[in-house]
Every structure is written in structure tokens, then in C-alpha cells.
N, C-alpha and C. Protein backbone atom coordinates (compact mmCIF):
# COMPACT_ATOMS: atom_id res chain seq x y z
N MET A 1 95.44 131.25 100.99
CA MET A 1 94.98 133.30 102.15
C MET A 1 93.71 132.79 102.03
N THR A 2 93.39 133.58 103.04
CA THR A 2 92.08 133.43 104.25
C THR A 2 92.12 135.19 104.42
N TRP A 3 91.28 135.56 104.34
CA TRP A 3 90.96 136.98 104.91
C TRP A 3 89.72 137.62 104.92
N VAL A 4 88.95 137.84 106.57
CA VAL A 4 88.23 138.62 107.14
C VAL A 4 88.17 140.09 107.25
N GLY A 5 86.77 141.01 106.92
CA GLY A 5 86.51 141.70 106.72
C GLY A 5 85.65 141.86 107.92
N ARG A 6 85.16 143.40 108.69
CA ARG A 6 84.45 143.12 109.10
C ARG A 6 82.59 143.92 108.55
N THR A 7 81.79 144.15 108.11
CA THR A 7 81.05 145.01 107.87
C THR A 7 79.95 145.48 108.84
N PRO A 8 79.15 146.25 108.50
CA PRO A 8 77.92 146.30 109.70
C PRO A 8 77.46 145.69 109.60
N VAL A 9 77.06 145.01 109.21
CA VAL A 9 76.18 143.53 109.00
C VAL A 9 76.61 142.19 109.29
N GLY A 10 78.00 142.43 109.38
CA GLY A 10 78.22 141.35 109.72
C GLY A 10 79.85 140.70 108.76
N PHE A 11 80.48 140.09 108.44
CA PHE A 11 81.45 139.56 107.48
C PHE A 11 81.95 138.72 106.57
N VAL A 12 82.64 139.24 105.80
CA VAL A 12 83.12 139.22 104.97
C VAL A 12 84.06 137.93 104.62
N ILE A 13 84.10 137.16 103.97
CA ILE A 13 85.08 135.36 104.28
C ILE A 13 85.73 135.62 103.13
N LEU A 14 87.07 135.91 102.91
CA LEU A 14 87.77 135.30 101.59
C LEU A 14 88.52 133.94 101.96
N ILE A 15 88.79 132.93 100.48
CA ILE A 15 89.47 131.74 101.21
C ILE A 15 90.22 131.55 99.34
N TRP A 16 91.05 131.99 99.59
CA TRP A 16 91.67 132.25 98.25
C TRP A 16 93.23 130.73 98.10
N LYS A 17 92.36 129.78 97.57
CA LYS A 17 93.76 128.64 97.27
C LYS A 17 93.59 128.40 96.09
N SER A 18 94.61 127.67 95.48
CA SER A 18 94.98 127.20 93.82
C SER A 18 94.23 126.21 93.77
N GLY A 19 93.57 127.06 92.28
CA GLY A 19 92.62 126.33 92.07
C GLY A 19 90.72 125.81 92.97
N ARG A 20 90.93 126.72 94.24
CA ARG A 20 89.89 126.75 94.32
C ARG A 20 89.47 127.86 95.43
N ARG A 21 88.45 128.87 94.86
CA ARG A 21 88.48 130.49 95.27
C ARG A 21 86.25 129.80 95.72
N TRP A 22 86.87 130.62 96.90
CA TRP A 22 85.32 130.76 97.59
C TRP A 22 85.10 132.67 98.60
N VAL A 23 84.34 132.87 98.61
CA VAL A 23 83.82 134.13 98.89
C VAL A 23 82.41 134.32 100.37
N GLY A 24 82.33 134.05 100.63
CA GLY A 24 81.07 133.65 102.15
C GLY A 24 80.77 135.37 102.55
N PHE A 25 79.99 135.64 102.80
CA PHE A 25 79.39 136.45 104.12
C PHE A 25 78.06 135.46 104.95
N ARG A 26 78.69 136.11 106.20
CA ARG A 26 78.05 136.64 107.38
C ARG A 26 77.04 136.87 108.58
N TRP A 27 76.15 137.23 107.94
CA TRP A 27 75.02 138.17 108.70
C TRP A 27 75.34 137.88 110.04
N GLY A 28 74.92 139.30 110.78
CA GLY A 28 75.47 139.30 112.10
C GLY A 28 75.87 137.73 112.93
N GLY A 29 75.57 137.38 113.71
CA GLY A 29 76.02 136.03 114.31
C GLY A 29 77.51 136.69 115.01
N ASP A 30 77.87 134.73 115.16
CA ASP A 30 79.58 135.49 116.00
C ASP A 30 80.77 135.13 115.98
N ILE A 31 81.64 135.84 116.38
CA ILE A 31 83.24 135.19 114.87
C ILE A 31 83.69 133.49 115.71
N ARG A 32 82.43 133.29 116.20
CA ARG A 32 83.09 131.45 116.54
C ARG A 32 82.09 130.76 114.97
N ARG A 33 80.73 131.51 114.84
CA ARG A 33 80.26 130.98 113.46
C ARG A 33 81.63 130.92 111.54
N VAL A 34 81.75 132.44 112.14
CA VAL A 34 82.55 132.37 110.48
C VAL A 34 83.93 131.05 110.65
N TYR A 35 84.61 131.23 112.37
CA TYR A 35 85.80 130.03 112.92
C TYR A 35 84.98 128.73 111.73
N GLU A 36 83.99 128.55 112.56
CA GLU A 36 83.44 127.22 112.07
C GLU A 36 83.11 127.36 110.39
N ALA A 37 82.41 127.98 109.86
CA ALA A 37 82.81 128.17 108.42
C ALA A 37 84.16 128.22 107.82
N MET A 38 84.43 128.59 107.81
CA MET A 38 86.22 128.87 107.84
C MET A 38 86.71 127.55 108.02
N LEU A 39 86.70 127.20 109.29
CA LEU A 39 87.04 124.81 108.83
C LEU A 39 87.25 124.65 108.38
N ARG A 40 85.19 124.68 107.68
CA ARG A 40 84.38 123.69 106.79
C ARG A 40 84.63 124.31 105.75
N ARG A 41 84.96 125.16 105.06
CA ARG A 41 86.03 124.88 103.61
C ARG A 41 87.43 125.09 103.34
N GLY A 42 87.99 124.42 105.16
CA GLY A 42 89.21 123.79 104.51
C GLY A 42 90.35 124.25 104.60
N ALA A 43 89.96 126.31 104.97
CA ALA A 43 91.10 126.42 104.74
C ALA A 43 92.14 126.29 106.24
N PRO A 44 93.12 126.37 107.03
CA PRO A 44 94.81 126.35 107.71
C PRO A 44 93.66 126.65 109.15
N ARG A 45 94.62 126.59 110.32
CA ARG A 45 92.94 126.92 111.49
C ARG A 45 94.89 128.57 112.08
N ASN A 46 95.94 128.21 111.73
CA ASN A 46 96.70 129.33 111.89
C ASN A 46 96.39 130.58 110.35
N GLU A 47 95.82 130.15 109.94
CA GLU A 47 95.62 131.56 108.70
C GLU A 47 94.22 131.86 109.18
N ILE A 48 92.94 131.15 109.42
CA ILE A 48 91.76 131.52 110.27
C ILE A 48 92.76 132.10 111.60
N ALA A 49 92.47 132.63 112.08
CA ALA A 49 92.91 132.76 113.23
C ALA A 49 93.64 134.09 113.12
N ALA A 50 94.88 134.28 112.33
CA ALA A 50 95.42 135.30 112.40
C ALA A 50 94.28 136.52 111.55
N ALA A 51 93.54 135.75 110.68
CA ALA A 51 92.71 136.69 110.02
C ALA A 51 91.28 137.42 110.85
N LEU A 52 91.16 136.20 111.71
CA LEU A 52 89.81 136.74 112.98
C LEU A 52 90.26 137.86 113.19
N VAL A 53 92.07 137.93 114.01
CA VAL A 53 92.37 138.96 114.86
C VAL A 53 92.67 140.46 114.33
N ARG A 54 92.77 139.94 113.06
CA ARG A 54 92.34 141.05 112.47
C ARG A 54 92.08 141.86 112.28
N ALA A 55 90.87 141.44 111.63
CA ALA A 55 89.21 141.60 111.57
C ALA A 55 87.87 141.74 112.76
N ALA A 56 88.25 141.56 114.22
CA ALA A 56 87.91 141.93 115.63
C ALA A 56 88.57 141.62 116.62
N PRO A 57 90.13 141.70 116.98
CA PRO A 57 90.67 141.31 117.44
C PRO A 57 90.46 141.27 119.27
N ALA A 58 89.31 142.64 119.33
CA ALA A 58 88.31 141.89 120.81
C ALA A 58 87.72 140.81 120.88
N GLU A 59 86.86 140.53 119.44
CA GLU A 59 86.21 139.40 120.03
C GLU A 59 86.83 137.97 120.01
N ALA A 60 88.10 138.38 119.46
CA ALA A 60 89.19 137.43 118.78
C ALA A 60 89.29 136.43 120.18
N ARG A 61 89.88 137.65 121.11
CA ARG A 61 90.45 137.27 121.96
C ARG A 61 89.13 136.45 122.85
N ALA A 62 87.81 137.56 122.84
CA ALA A 62 87.70 136.58 124.18
C ALA A 62 87.24 135.45 123.35
N HIS A 63 86.76 134.34 122.89
CA HIS A 63 86.94 133.43 121.04
C HIS A 63 87.78 132.65 121.38
N ASN A 64 89.17 133.05 122.83
CA ASN A 64 90.70 132.42 122.69
C ASN A 64 90.64 131.96 121.18
N LEU A 65 90.86 132.26 120.16
CA LEU A 65 90.71 132.43 119.19
C LEU A 65 92.37 133.45 118.64
N ASP A 66 93.20 133.48 119.32
CA ASP A 66 94.70 134.42 119.19
C ASP A 66 95.40 133.60 119.30
């Protein structure tokens, strides 16, 4: 499971896999850096794209992540 939430100062990232959990927080920055951080942690691309579209649809569309 992958989830991204928008906060006033950045993004909260939650990646939950069997036997492995990871929670991250990204200050400011754009959605592209959140995408790269999630890729480094091993989240599947289709889950990342879906989570980013739910968190920030306009930014995801601008970066062709949808």
C-alpha cells in the first residue's frame, strides 16, 4: 500500500509492504521529488502514480505522473 498526503508545508509519504514499513516527510519541494523518493524506497510505479494523483492532481498532471 502506498499513500501520499498533502500538508501545508510538504508531503507525508506512507509505504506499507509485508515485513517492511516506511513513513517519510518531504518539506516543501515539488511532487517530482516525492516520486523519486518513493521509487528509491521500492514502491511500485502504478501505486505511486495513483497516490500522487489523489494527493495533488494538478501537480501530478503537470509532471505527467497520471
